[in-house]
Every structure is written in C-alpha cells, then in structure tokens.
Amino acid sequence: MKLLFDQNLSPKLSTRLSDIYPGSQHVKDYELQEAEDPVVWTFAKDNGFTIVSKDSDFEQRGVLYGHPPKLVWVRLGNCSTAQIEEALRKYSVVIHTFYEDPVESVLVIP
C-alpha cells in the first residue's frame, strides 16, 4: 500500500513513513503541488495510491465518487509533521485494513 501525501502535508512524511508505507510519495514529487483536486484524484487512481490529506474537499469527493482511490482524511487540526507521523503510525493497522476493505472509501484519522 502506497500513500500519496497532499500538498497540505509535509513532503518529509513519505520518507519518514517508508518503513510501513513503502512506495509512498508526495504530490511535489510529481510536480502536482499546485494541481487542482480532480487532477490529484485521477493521478492517485491511475497510479494505485491512497490519498492522505487534511482537505475536506477530498472527503466530499470520496463520498461522492467512491474508490479508487481511497482517502485517509487526517482530522488533527493545526499540528506538527511529527504529530501526523505519529498518528499514521498509531493507526497503521487500521489504515492497512481499510485499504483492503472492498466497501469503504474514506477513513477519518482523529
């Protein structure tokens, strides 16, 4: 399972979390940091990524269109990159289980 971190998250996360989410990347790695949400959505879908974002627009898209791609919606408010990393590590089993779920499209990380 590989994650695609949205522009509202640090590019450092893909490296920091490579031990549990190998192949993960940041939109910046594909020069998509300024891209509109539909472009990022299609890129993730076409390339087998699960999107990780703090953006509620992706949540709405996930509910409306379903998956793929799946979305991990990080609802931590203002927080550090370390806190986001900690949450993604803490919920790694939940995230991996969600990825395998044939029905669910959006996972909210509190």
PDB file of N, CA and C in Angstrom:
ATOM      1  N   MET A   1       0.847  -1.184   0.000  1.00  0.00           N
ATOM      2  CA  MET A   1       0.000   0.000   0.000  1.00  0.00           C
ATOM      3  C   MET A   1       0.877   1.226   0.000  1.00  0.00           C
ATOM      4  N   LYS A   2       0.641   2.100  -0.944  1.00  0.00           N
ATOM      5  CA  LYS A   2       1.435   3.324  -1.017  1.00  0.00           C
ATOM      6  C   LYS A   2       0.521   4.539  -0.893  1.00  0.00           C
ATOM      7  N   LEU A   3       1.007   5.517  -0.170  1.00  0.00           N
ATOM      8  CA  LEU A   3       0.255   6.730   0.114  1.00  0.00           C
ATOM      9  C   LEU A   3       0.742   7.870  -0.773  1.00  0.00           C
ATOM     10  N   LEU A   4      -0.180   8.760  -1.118  1.00  0.00           N
ATOM     11  CA  LEU A   4       0.154   9.993  -1.814  1.00  0.00           C
ATOM     12  C   LEU A   4      -0.245  11.130  -0.892  1.00  0.00           C
ATOM     13  N   PHE A   5       0.761  11.847  -0.366  1.00  0.00           N
ATOM     14  CA  PHE A   5       0.503  12.941   0.555  1.00  0.00           C
ATOM     15  C   PHE A   5       0.162  14.200  -0.215  1.00  0.00           C
ATOM     16  N   ASP A   6      -0.941  14.808   0.163  1.00  0.00           N
ATOM     17  CA  ASP A   6      -1.433  16.029  -0.466  1.00  0.00           C
ATOM     18  C   ASP A   6      -0.529  17.202  -0.109  1.00  0.00           C
ATOM     19  N   GLN A   7      -0.683  18.288  -0.839  1.00  0.00           N
ATOM     20  CA  GLN A   7       0.161  19.469  -0.664  1.00  0.00           C
ATOM     21  C   GLN A   7       0.041  20.094   0.722  1.00  0.00           C
ATOM     22  N   ASN A   8      -1.039  19.835   1.447  1.00  0.00           N
ATOM     23  CA  ASN A   8      -1.203  20.420   2.778  1.00  0.00           C
ATOM     24  C   ASN A   8      -0.461  19.626   3.861  1.00  0.00           C
ATOM     25  N   LEU A   9       0.269  18.594   3.455  1.00  0.00           N
ATOM     26  CA  LEU A   9       1.087  17.797   4.374  1.00  0.00           C
ATOM     27  C   LEU A   9       2.547  17.883   3.952  1.00  0.00           C
ATOM     28  N   SER A  10       3.429  17.653   4.881  1.00  0.00           N
ATOM     29  CA  SER A  10       4.862  17.780   4.627  1.00  0.00           C
ATOM     30  C   SER A  10       5.385  16.706   3.668  1.00  0.00           C
ATOM     31  N   PRO A  11       6.248  17.105   2.727  1.00  0.00           N
ATOM     32  CA  PRO A  11       6.894  16.132   1.848  1.00  0.00           C
ATOM     33  C   PRO A  11       7.790  15.147   2.616  1.00  0.00           C
ATOM     34  N   LYS A  12       8.171  15.497   3.825  1.00  0.00           N
ATOM     35  CA  LYS A  12       9.029  14.637   4.641  1.00  0.00           C
ATOM     36  C   LYS A  12       8.321  13.349   5.056  1.00  0.00           C
ATOM     37  N   LEU A  13       7.002  13.349   5.064  1.00  0.00           N
ATOM     38  CA  LEU A  13       6.253  12.180   5.541  1.00  0.00           C
ATOM     39  C   LEU A  13       6.516  10.925   4.705  1.00  0.00           C
ATOM     40  N   SER A  14       6.677  11.076   3.412  1.00  0.00           N
ATOM     41  CA  SER A  14       6.890   9.883   2.581  1.00  0.00           C
ATOM     42  C   SER A  14       8.178   9.161   2.961  1.00  0.00           C
ATOM     43  N   THR A  15       9.214   9.906   3.288  1.00  0.00           N
ATOM     44  CA  THR A  15      10.473   9.295   3.722  1.00  0.00           C
ATOM     45  C   THR A  15      10.368   8.768   5.147  1.00  0.00           C
ATOM     46  N   ARG A  16       9.791   9.562   6.018  1.00  0.00           N
ATOM     47  CA  ARG A  16       9.683   9.174   7.428  1.00  0.00           C
ATOM     48  C   ARG A  16       8.839   7.913   7.629  1.00  0.00           C
ATOM     49  N   LEU A  17       7.891   7.693   6.740  1.00  0.00           N
ATOM     50  CA  LEU A  17       6.968   6.560   6.901  1.00  0.00           C
ATOM     51  C   LEU A  17       7.228   5.426   5.906  1.00  0.00           C
ATOM     52  N   SER A  18       8.358   5.473   5.228  1.00  0.00           N
ATOM     53  CA  SER A  18       8.639   4.477   4.193  1.00  0.00           C
ATOM     54  C   SER A  18       8.765   3.060   4.745  1.00  0.00           C
ATOM     55  N   ASP A  19       9.038   2.923   6.036  1.00  0.00           N
ATOM     56  CA  ASP A  19       9.151   1.585   6.617  1.00  0.00           C
ATOM     57  C   ASP A  19       7.804   0.871   6.716  1.00  0.00           C
ATOM     58  N   ILE A  20       6.719   1.624   6.865  1.00  0.00           N
ATOM     59  CA  ILE A  20       5.405   0.974   6.973  1.00  0.00           C
ATOM     60  C   ILE A  20       4.490   1.259   5.780  1.00  0.00           C
ATOM     61  N   TYR A  21       4.843   2.257   4.973  1.00  0.00           N
ATOM     62  CA  TYR A  21       4.086   2.582   3.760  1.00  0.00           C
ATOM     63  C   TYR A  21       5.075   2.721   2.595  1.00  0.00           C
ATOM     64  N   PRO A  22       5.711   1.617   2.183  1.00  0.00           N
ATOM     65  CA  PRO A  22       6.718   1.696   1.114  1.00  0.00           C
ATOM     66  C   PRO A  22       6.110   2.175  -0.200  1.00  0.00           C
ATOM     67  N   GLY A  23       6.889   2.946  -0.931  1.00  0.00           N
ATOM     68  CA  GLY A  23       6.427   3.456  -2.219  1.00  0.00           C
ATOM     69  C   GLY A  23       5.613   4.723  -2.115  1.00  0.00           C
ATOM     70  N   SER A  24       5.431   5.231  -0.894  1.00  0.00           N
ATOM     71  CA  SER A  24       4.651   6.455  -0.713  1.00  0.00           C
ATOM     72  C   SER A  24       5.411   7.657  -1.258  1.00  0.00           C
ATOM     73  N   GLN A  25       4.641   8.633  -1.715  1.00  0.00           N
ATOM     74  CA  GLN A  25       5.216   9.836  -2.316  1.00  0.00           C
ATOM     75  C   GLN A  25       4.394  11.051  -1.900  1.00  0.00           C
ATOM     76  N   HIS A  26       4.917  12.209  -2.226  1.00  0.00           N
ATOM     77  CA  HIS A  26       4.226  13.479  -2.004  1.00  0.00           C
ATOM     78  C   HIS A  26       3.857  14.042  -3.379  1.00  0.00           C
ATOM     79  N   VAL A  27       2.777  14.791  -3.458  1.00  0.00           N
ATOM     80  CA  VAL A  27       2.385  15.377  -4.742  1.00  0.00           C
ATOM     81  C   VAL A  27       3.514  16.191  -5.361  1.00  0.00           C
ATOM     82  N   LYS A  28       4.357  16.764  -4.526  1.00  0.00           N
ATOM     83  CA  LYS A  28       5.501  17.554  -5.005  1.00  0.00           C
ATOM     84  C   LYS A  28       6.452  16.694  -5.848  1.00  0.00           C
ATOM     85  N   ASP A  29       6.554  15.412  -5.511  1.00  0.00           N
ATOM     86  CA  ASP A  29       7.434  14.512  -6.259  1.00  0.00           C
ATOM     87  C   ASP A  29       7.009  14.362  -7.715  1.00  0.00           C
ATOM     88  N   TYR A  30       5.759  14.679  -8.004  1.00  0.00           N
ATOM     89  CA  TYR A  30       5.214  14.571  -9.357  1.00  0.00           C
ATOM     90  C   TYR A  30       4.822  15.940  -9.914  1.00  0.00           C
ATOM     91  N   GLU A  31       5.314  16.985  -9.265  1.00  0.00           N
ATOM     92  CA  GLU A  31       5.009  18.369  -9.666  1.00  0.00           C
ATOM     93  C   GLU A  31       3.507  18.628  -9.704  1.00  0.00           C
ATOM     94  N   LEU A  32       2.802  18.061  -8.711  1.00  0.00           N
ATOM     95  CA  LEU A  32       1.354  18.237  -8.609  1.00  0.00           C
ATOM     96  C   LEU A  32       0.955  19.103  -7.411  1.00  0.00           C
ATOM     97  N   GLN A  33       1.922  19.783  -6.789  1.00  0.00           N
ATOM     98  CA  GLN A  33       1.622  20.556  -5.590  1.00  0.00           C
ATOM     99  C   GLN A  33       0.673  21.719  -5.850  1.00  0.00           C
ATOM    100  N   GLU A  34       0.581  22.165  -7.075  1.00  0.00           N
ATOM    101  CA  GLU A  34      -0.335  23.256  -7.421  1.00  0.00           C
ATOM    102  C   GLU A  34      -1.556  22.740  -8.188  1.00  0.00           C
ATOM    103  N   ALA A  35      -1.643  21.443  -8.374  1.00  0.00           N
ATOM    104  CA  ALA A  35      -2.724  20.861  -9.180  1.00  0.00           C
ATOM    105  C   ALA A  35      -4.061  20.938  -8.445  1.00  0.00           C
ATOM    106  N   GLU A  36      -5.111  21.032  -9.217  1.00  0.00           N
ATOM    107  CA  GLU A  36      -6.465  21.006  -8.680  1.00  0.00           C
ATOM    108  C   GLU A  36      -6.769  19.597  -8.156  1.00  0.00           C
ATOM    109  N   ASP A  37      -7.693  19.522  -7.207  1.00  0.00           N
ATOM    110  CA  ASP A  37      -8.038  18.235  -6.598  1.00  0.00           C
ATOM    111  C   ASP A  37      -8.404  17.145  -7.614  1.00  0.00           C
ATOM    112  N   PRO A  38      -9.199  17.446  -8.638  1.00  0.00           N
ATOM    113  CA  PRO A  38      -9.531  16.378  -9.596  1.00  0.00           C
ATOM    114  C   PRO A  38      -8.304  15.782 -10.297  1.00  0.00           C
ATOM    115  N   VAL A  39      -7.287  16.598 -10.522  1.00  0.00           N
ATOM    116  CA  VAL A  39      -6.061  16.113 -11.163  1.00  0.00           C
ATOM    117  C   VAL A  39      -5.317  15.173 -10.221  1.00  0.00           C
ATOM    118  N   VAL A  40      -5.210  15.568  -8.951  1.00  0.00           N
ATOM    119  CA  VAL A  40      -4.546  14.727  -7.949  1.00  0.00           C
ATOM    120  C   VAL A  40      -5.333  13.436  -7.779  1.00  0.00           C
ATOM    121  N   TRP A  41      -6.644  13.518  -7.735  1.00  0.00           N
ATOM    122  CA  TRP A  41      -7.518  12.352  -7.583  1.00  0.00           C
ATOM    123  C   TRP A  41      -7.283  11.357  -8.723  1.00  0.00           C
ATOM    124  N   THR A  42      -7.294  11.852  -9.941  1.00  0.00           N
ATOM    125  CA  THR A  42      -7.100  10.987 -11.108  1.00  0.00           C
ATOM    126  C   THR A  42      -5.697  10.378 -11.107  1.00  0.00           C
ATOM    127  N   PHE A  43      -4.693  11.173 -10.758  1.00  0.00           N
ATOM    128  CA  PHE A  43      -3.326  10.661 -10.693  1.00  0.00           C
ATOM    129  C   PHE A  43      -3.237   9.522  -9.680  1.00  0.00           C
ATOM    130  N   ALA A  44      -3.805   9.727  -8.501  1.00  0.00           N
ATOM    131  CA  ALA A  44      -3.777   8.694  -7.465  1.00  0.00           C
ATOM    132  C   ALA A  44      -4.499   7.433  -7.951  1.00  0.00           C
ATOM    133  N   LYS A  45      -5.629   7.611  -8.560  1.00  0.00           N
ATOM    134  CA  LYS A  45      -6.413   6.480  -9.075  1.00  0.00           C
ATOM    135  C   LYS A  45      -5.624   5.708 -10.130  1.00  0.00           C
ATOM    136  N   ASP A  46      -5.033   6.416 -11.069  1.00  0.00           N
ATOM    137  CA  ASP A  46      -4.314   5.783 -12.174  1.00  0.00           C
ATOM    138  C   ASP A  46      -3.012   5.116 -11.742  1.00  0.00           C
ATOM    139  N   ASN A  47      -2.473   5.531 -10.579  1.00  0.00           N
ATOM    140  CA  ASN A  47      -1.170   5.035 -10.151  1.00  0.00           C
ATOM    141  C   ASN A  47      -1.208   4.225  -8.854  1.00  0.00           C
ATOM    142  N   GLY A  48      -2.398   3.858  -8.410  1.00  0.00           N
ATOM    143  CA  GLY A  48      -2.534   2.956  -7.277  1.00  0.00           C
ATOM    144  C   GLY A  48      -2.194   3.536  -5.919  1.00  0.00           C
ATOM    145  N   PHE A  49      -2.385   4.838  -5.759  1.00  0.00           N
ATOM    146  CA  PHE A  49      -2.121   5.488  -4.480  1.00  0.00           C
ATOM    147  C   PHE A  49      -3.393   5.612  -3.646  1.00  0.00           C
ATOM    148  N   THR A  50      -3.212   5.645  -2.335  1.00  0.00           N
ATOM    149  CA  THR A  50      -4.235   6.071  -1.395  1.00  0.00           C
ATOM    150  C   THR A  50      -3.864   7.501  -1.017  1.00  0.00           C
ATOM    151  N   ILE A  51      -4.780   8.433  -1.148  1.00  0.00           N
ATOM    152  CA  ILE A  51      -4.511   9.837  -0.837  1.00  0.00           C
ATOM    153  C   ILE A  51      -4.577  10.045   0.674  1.00  0.00           C
ATOM    154  N   VAL A  52      -3.636  10.843   1.191  1.00  0.00           N
ATOM    155  CA  VAL A  52      -3.668  11.284   2.582  1.00  0.00           C
ATOM    156  C   VAL A  52      -3.741  12.798   2.536  1.00  0.00           C
ATOM    157  N   SER A  53      -4.766  13.360   3.174  1.00  0.00           N
ATOM    158  CA  SER A  53      -4.982  14.795   3.097  1.00  0.00           C
ATOM    159  C   SER A  53      -5.686  15.317   4.342  1.00  0.00           C
ATOM    160  N   LYS A  54      -5.551  16.610   4.569  1.00  0.00           N
ATOM    161  CA  LYS A  54      -6.321  17.301   5.595  1.00  0.00           C
ATOM    162  C   LYS A  54      -7.472  18.085   4.955  1.00  0.00           C
ATOM    163  N   ASP A  55      -7.608  17.959   3.658  1.00  0.00           N
ATOM    164  CA  ASP A  55      -8.551  18.734   2.855  1.00  0.00           C
ATOM    165  C   ASP A  55      -9.932  18.077   2.835  1.00  0.00           C
ATOM    166  N   SER A  56     -10.932  18.797   3.300  1.00  0.00           N
ATOM    167  CA  SER A  56     -12.295  18.250   3.321  1.00  0.00           C
ATOM    168  C   SER A  56     -12.853  18.058   1.911  1.00  0.00           C
ATOM    169  N   ASP A  57     -12.300  18.745   0.912  1.00  0.00           N
ATOM    170  CA  ASP A  57     -12.767  18.567  -0.460  1.00  0.00           C
ATOM    171  C   ASP A  57     -12.541  17.130  -0.936  1.00  0.00           C
ATOM    172  N   PHE A  58     -11.426  16.535  -0.526  1.00  0.00           N
ATOM    173  CA  PHE A  58     -11.165  15.146  -0.895  1.00  0.00           C
ATOM    174  C   PHE A  58     -12.165  14.211  -0.220  1.00  0.00           C
ATOM    175  N   GLU A  59     -12.543  14.537   1.005  1.00  0.00           N
ATOM    176  CA  GLU A  59     -13.537  13.711   1.702  1.00  0.00           C
ATOM    177  C   GLU A  59     -14.851  13.727   0.930  1.00  0.00           C
ATOM    178  N   GLN A  60     -15.264  14.904   0.487  1.00  0.00           N
ATOM    179  CA  GLN A  60     -16.504  15.022  -0.279  1.00  0.00           C
ATOM    180  C   GLN A  60     -16.416  14.242  -1.586  1.00  0.00           C
ATOM    181  N   ARG A  61     -15.269  14.315  -2.229  1.00  0.00           N
ATOM    182  CA  ARG A  61     -15.055  13.586  -3.479  1.00  0.00           C
ATOM    183  C   ARG A  61     -15.115  12.072  -3.232  1.00  0.00           C
ATOM    184  N   GLY A  62     -14.519  11.626  -2.117  1.00  0.00           N
ATOM    185  CA  GLY A  62     -14.528  10.205  -1.772  1.00  0.00           C
ATOM    186  C   GLY A  62     -15.933   9.681  -1.527  1.00  0.00           C
ATOM    187  N   VAL A  63     -16.738  10.484  -0.852  1.00  0.00           N
ATOM    188  CA  VAL A  63     -18.126  10.078  -0.578  1.00  0.00           C
ATOM    189  C   VAL A  63     -18.932  10.076  -1.882  1.00  0.00           C
ATOM    190  N   LEU A  64     -18.714  11.069  -2.704  1.00  0.00           N
ATOM    191  CA  LEU A  64     -19.475  11.210  -3.947  1.00  0.00           C
ATOM    192  C   LEU A  64     -19.110  10.145  -4.982  1.00  0.00           C
ATOM    193  N   TYR A  65     -17.818   9.916  -5.182  1.00  0.00           N
ATOM    194  CA  TYR A  65     -17.361   9.040  -6.265  1.00  0.00           C
ATOM    195  C   TYR A  65     -16.921   7.650  -5.810  1.00  0.00           C
ATOM    196  N   GLY A  66     -16.721   7.459  -4.513  1.00  0.00           N
ATOM    197  CA  GLY A  66     -16.223   6.171  -4.049  1.00  0.00           C
ATOM    198  C   GLY A  66     -14.757   5.985  -4.413  1.00  0.00           C
ATOM    199  N   HIS A  67     -14.334   4.761  -4.421  1.00  0.00           N
ATOM    200  CA  HIS A  67     -12.929   4.494  -4.725  1.00  0.00           C
ATOM    201  C   HIS A  67     -12.811   3.590  -5.937  1.00  0.00           C
ATOM    202  N   PRO A  68     -11.676   3.498  -6.549  1.00  0.00           N
ATOM    203  CA  PRO A  68     -10.407   4.126  -6.166  1.00  0.00           C
ATOM    204  C   PRO A  68     -10.347   5.579  -6.583  1.00  0.00           C
ATOM    205  N   PRO A  69      -9.453   6.347  -6.009  1.00  0.00           N
ATOM    206  CA  PRO A  69      -8.551   5.985  -4.929  1.00  0.00           C
ATOM    207  C   PRO A  69      -9.258   6.087  -3.585  1.00  0.00           C
ATOM    208  N   LYS A  70      -8.666   5.481  -2.606  1.00  0.00           N
ATOM    209  CA  LYS A  70      -9.158   5.620  -1.241  1.00  0.00           C
ATOM    210  C   LYS A  70      -8.531   6.868  -0.633  1.00  0.00           C
ATOM    211  N   LEU A  71      -9.146   7.337   0.459  1.00  0.00           N
ATOM    212  CA  LEU A  71      -8.677   8.549   1.123  1.00  0.00           C
ATOM    213  C   LEU A  71      -8.530   8.317   2.610  1.00  0.00           C
ATOM    214  N   VAL A  72      -7.379   8.708   3.143  1.00  0.00           N
ATOM    215  CA  VAL A  72      -7.181   8.804   4.585  1.00  0.00           C
ATOM    216  C   VAL A  72      -7.243  10.295   4.893  1.00  0.00           C
ATOM    217  N   TRP A  73      -8.309  10.680   5.587  1.00  0.00           N
ATOM    218  CA  TRP A  73      -8.558  12.088   5.902  1.00  0.00           C
ATOM    219  C   TRP A  73      -8.032  12.352   7.309  1.00  0.00           C
ATOM    220  N   VAL A  74      -7.001  13.168   7.397  1.00  0.00           N
ATOM    221  CA  VAL A  74      -6.358  13.483   8.677  1.00  0.00           C
ATOM    222  C   VAL A  74      -7.072  14.684   9.289  1.00  0.00           C
ATOM    223  N   ARG A  75      -7.732  14.448  10.422  1.00  0.00           N
ATOM    224  CA  ARG A  75      -8.513  15.490  11.096  1.00  0.00           C
ATOM    225  C   ARG A  75      -7.851  15.898  12.409  1.00  0.00           C
ATOM    226  N   LEU A  76      -6.614  16.328  12.345  1.00  0.00           N
ATOM    227  CA  LEU A  76      -5.876  16.679  13.553  1.00  0.00           C
ATOM    228  C   LEU A  76      -5.760  18.178  13.790  1.00  0.00           C
ATOM    229  N   GLY A  77      -6.338  18.996  12.934  1.00  0.00           N
ATOM    230  CA  GLY A  77      -6.233  20.438  13.115  1.00  0.00           C
ATOM    231  C   GLY A  77      -4.804  20.905  12.933  1.00  0.00           C
ATOM    232  N   ASN A  78      -4.464  22.025  13.555  1.00  0.00           N
ATOM    233  CA  ASN A  78      -3.098  22.524  13.470  1.00  0.00           C
ATOM    234  C   ASN A  78      -2.191  21.644  14.306  1.00  0.00           C
ATOM    235  N   CYS A  79      -1.243  21.008  13.644  1.00  0.00           N
ATOM    236  CA  CYS A  79      -0.335  20.115  14.342  1.00  0.00           C
ATOM    237  C   CYS A  79       0.967  20.003  13.562  1.00  0.00           C
ATOM    238  N   SER A  80       1.941  19.428  14.191  1.00  0.00           N
ATOM    239  CA  SER A  80       3.256  19.295  13.573  1.00  0.00           C
ATOM    240  C   SER A  80       3.311  18.070  12.660  1.00  0.00           C
ATOM    241  N   THR A  81       4.329  18.043  11.833  1.00  0.00           N
ATOM    242  CA  THR A  81       4.572  16.879  10.981  1.00  0.00           C
ATOM    243  C   THR A  81       4.806  15.648  11.847  1.00  0.00           C
ATOM    244  N   ALA A  82       5.505  15.824  12.954  1.00  0.00           N
ATOM    245  CA  ALA A  82       5.760  14.705  13.872  1.00  0.00           C
ATOM    246  C   ALA A  82       4.455  14.137  14.421  1.00  0.00           C
ATOM    247  N   GLN A  83       3.489  14.984  14.713  1.00  0.00           N
ATOM    248  CA  GLN A  83       2.202  14.507  15.222  1.00  0.00           C
ATOM    249  C   GLN A  83       1.426  13.747  14.151  1.00  0.00           C
ATOM    250  N   ILE A  84       1.511  14.191  12.914  1.00  0.00           N
ATOM    251  CA  ILE A  84       0.851  13.476  11.824  1.00  0.00           C
ATOM    252  C   ILE A  84       1.538  12.131  11.608  1.00  0.00           C
ATOM    253  N   GLU A  85       2.855  12.134  11.630  1.00  0.00           N
ATOM    254  CA  GLU A  85       3.589  10.876  11.512  1.00  0.00           C
ATOM    255  C   GLU A  85       3.188   9.910  12.622  1.00  0.00           C
ATOM    256  N   GLU A  86       3.122  10.414  13.826  1.00  0.00           N
ATOM    257  CA  GLU A  86       2.741   9.581  14.977  1.00  0.00           C
ATOM    258  C   GLU A  86       1.353   8.971  14.777  1.00  0.00           C
ATOM    259  N   ALA A  87       0.406   9.776  14.299  1.00  0.00           N
ATOM    260  CA  ALA A  87      -0.957   9.277  14.078  1.00  0.00           C
ATOM    261  C   ALA A  87      -0.988   8.214  12.989  1.00  0.00           C
ATOM    262  N   LEU A  88      -0.257   8.433  11.900  1.00  0.00           N
ATOM    263  CA  LEU A  88      -0.245   7.463  10.812  1.00  0.00           C
ATOM    264  C   LEU A  88       0.444   6.163  11.226  1.00  0.00           C
ATOM    265  N   ARG A  89       1.383   6.250  12.144  1.00  0.00           N
ATOM    266  CA  ARG A  89       1.991   5.040  12.701  1.00  0.00           C
ATOM    267  C   ARG A  89       1.017   4.341  13.657  1.00  0.00           C
ATOM    268  N   LYS A  90       0.412   5.126  14.518  1.00  0.00           N
ATOM    269  CA  LYS A  90      -0.515   4.573  15.506  1.00  0.00           C
ATOM    270  C   LYS A  90      -1.668   3.835  14.834  1.00  0.00           C
ATOM    271  N   TYR A  91      -2.161   4.371  13.745  1.00  0.00           N
ATOM    272  CA  TYR A  91      -3.315   3.802  13.052  1.00  0.00           C
ATOM    273  C   TYR A  91      -2.925   2.946  11.840  1.00  0.00           C
ATOM    274  N   SER A  92      -1.687   2.515  11.768  1.00  0.00           N
ATOM    275  CA  SER A  92      -1.233   1.787  10.573  1.00  0.00           C
ATOM    276  C   SER A  92      -2.024   0.496  10.330  1.00  0.00           C
ATOM    277  N   VAL A  93      -2.354  -0.238  11.379  1.00  0.00           N
ATOM    278  CA  VAL A  93      -3.147  -1.460  11.190  1.00  0.00           C
ATOM    279  C   VAL A  93      -4.541  -1.105  10.675  1.00  0.00           C
ATOM    280  N   VAL A  94      -5.127  -0.074  11.229  1.00  0.00           N
ATOM    281  CA  VAL A  94      -6.456   0.384  10.789  1.00  0.00           C
ATOM    282  C   VAL A  94      -6.389   0.841   9.328  1.00  0.00           C
ATOM    283  N   ILE A  95      -5.342   1.563   8.972  1.00  0.00           N
ATOM    284  CA  ILE A  95      -5.190   2.066   7.604  1.00  0.00           C
ATOM    285  C   ILE A  95      -5.010   0.913   6.628  1.00  0.00           C
ATOM    286  N   HIS A  96      -4.166  -0.055   6.977  1.00  0.00           N
ATOM    287  CA  HIS A  96      -3.963  -1.204   6.098  1.00  0.00           C
ATOM    288  C   HIS A  96      -5.250  -2.045   5.956  1.00  0.00           C
ATOM    289  N   THR A  97      -5.999  -2.190   7.038  1.00  0.00           N
ATOM    290  CA  THR A  97      -7.268  -2.911   6.988  1.00  0.00           C
ATOM    291  C   THR A  97      -8.265  -2.164   6.107  1.00  0.00           C
ATOM    292  N   PHE A  98      -8.326  -0.856   6.256  1.00  0.00           N
ATOM    293  CA  PHE A  98      -9.181  -0.006   5.435  1.00  0.00           C
ATOM    294  C   PHE A  98      -8.840  -0.165   3.952  1.00  0.00           C
ATOM    295  N   TYR A  99      -7.556  -0.196   3.648  1.00  0.00           N
ATOM    296  CA  TYR A  99      -7.113  -0.337   2.264  1.00  0.00           C
ATOM    297  C   TYR A  99      -7.663  -1.615   1.628  1.00  0.00           C
ATOM    298  N   GLU A 100      -7.742  -2.676   2.402  1.00  0.00           N
ATOM    299  CA  GLU A 100      -8.225  -3.967   1.902  1.00  0.00           C
ATOM    300  C   GLU A 100      -9.748  -4.067   1.876  1.00  0.00           C
ATOM    301  N   ASP A 101     -10.439  -3.153   2.543  1.00  0.00           N
ATOM    302  CA  ASP A 101     -11.897  -3.189   2.624  1.00  0.00           C
ATOM    303  C   ASP A 101     -12.502  -2.880   1.247  1.00  0.00           C
ATOM    304  N   PRO A 102     -13.349  -3.765   0.720  1.00  0.00           N
ATOM    305  CA  PRO A 102     -13.913  -3.545  -0.609  1.00  0.00           C
ATOM    306  C   PRO A 102     -15.014  -2.484  -0.659  1.00  0.00           C
ATOM    307  N   VAL A 103     -15.486  -2.032   0.505  1.00  0.00           N
ATOM    308  CA  VAL A 103     -16.624  -1.114   0.533  1.00  0.00           C
ATOM    309  C   VAL A 103     -16.220   0.319   0.880  1.00  0.00           C
ATOM    310  N   GLU A 104     -15.451   0.489   1.931  1.00  0.00           N
ATOM    311  CA  GLU A 104     -15.142   1.824   2.454  1.00  0.00           C
ATOM    312  C   GLU A 104     -14.233   2.616   1.516  1.00  0.00           C
ATOM    313  N   SER A 105     -14.522   3.921   1.391  1.00  0.00           N
ATOM    314  CA  SER A 105     -13.741   4.813   0.536  1.00  0.00           C
ATOM    315  C   SER A 105     -12.953   5.855   1.312  1.00  0.00           C
ATOM    316  N   VAL A 106     -13.447   6.220   2.495  1.00  0.00           N
ATOM    317  CA  VAL A 106     -12.828   7.275   3.292  1.00  0.00           C
ATOM    318  C   VAL A 106     -12.602   6.778   4.711  1.00  0.00           C
ATOM    319  N   LEU A 107     -11.399   7.006   5.213  1.00  0.00           N
ATOM    320  CA  LEU A 107     -11.062   6.702   6.601  1.00  0.00           C
ATOM    321  C   LEU A 107     -10.674   8.006   7.268  1.00  0.00           C
ATOM    322  N   VAL A 108     -11.305   8.306   8.380  1.00  0.00           N
ATOM    323  CA  VAL A 108     -11.006   9.513   9.140  1.00  0.00           C
ATOM    324  C   VAL A 108     -10.062   9.164  10.281  1.00  0.00           C
ATOM    325  N   ILE A 109      -8.941   9.849  10.326  1.00  0.00           N
ATOM    326  CA  ILE A 109      -7.989   9.697  11.418  1.00  0.00           C
ATOM    327  C   ILE A 109      -8.187  10.883  12.348  1.00  0.00           C
ATOM    328  N   PRO A 110      -8.610  10.589  13.575  1.00  0.00           N
ATOM    329  CA  PRO A 110      -8.882  11.697  14.509  1.00  0.00           C
ATOM    330  C   PRO A 110      -7.614  12.393  14.974  1.00  0.00           C
TER     331      PRO A 110
END
